[in-house]
Amino acid sequence: MEKKACAFFGHHDCPETIKPKIREAVIDLIENHGVTMFYVGNQGNFDRLVRSVLKEVTTAYPGVGYAVILAYMPSAKARVDDFSDTMLPDGIEKIPKRFAIPWRNKWMIDRADYVLTYVTRPFGGAAQFSALAKSKGKIIYGIK
């Protein structure tokens, strides 16, 4: 079976109550759609919730992995955190910091077959990158 990947885009201020829906969607993507790799950013509450779900769920599915895709190197202060599940995409070191998040998001879209979104308003990065993914023919898996 061809390996498939999923990226995530959602509002930085999403509620904690969507975590069970993220979990259900991730399990469905693994069990019914053959997704074996997940890419998530690290910019807000949605990304934090997704990361926690991926940490839990991937332990139950051998051969399924995930990576937190960083837009730039964390500050020295932040380096006490666990970065074992993070990566910097090749080429991002040449991107000015103010363009790094959009560049990283496009990198994730380019590698994804599915894009799981939590978009409740038509503006902001989550809406913008969800629309970009749709325009590139990605399968959008929206949760509310």
Foldseek 3Di string as FASTA:
>chain_A
DDEFEEEEFEDQPDDPVCLVVLLVVVVCCVPPVRHQEYEYEDDHDVSVSNVVSQVVPVVVPPSHAYAHEYLDDDDPVPVVDDRVRYDYDPPSVVPPSVCSVVVSLVVRLVRHQEYEYEDDDCDDDRNVSLVVSVVVVHHYHYDD
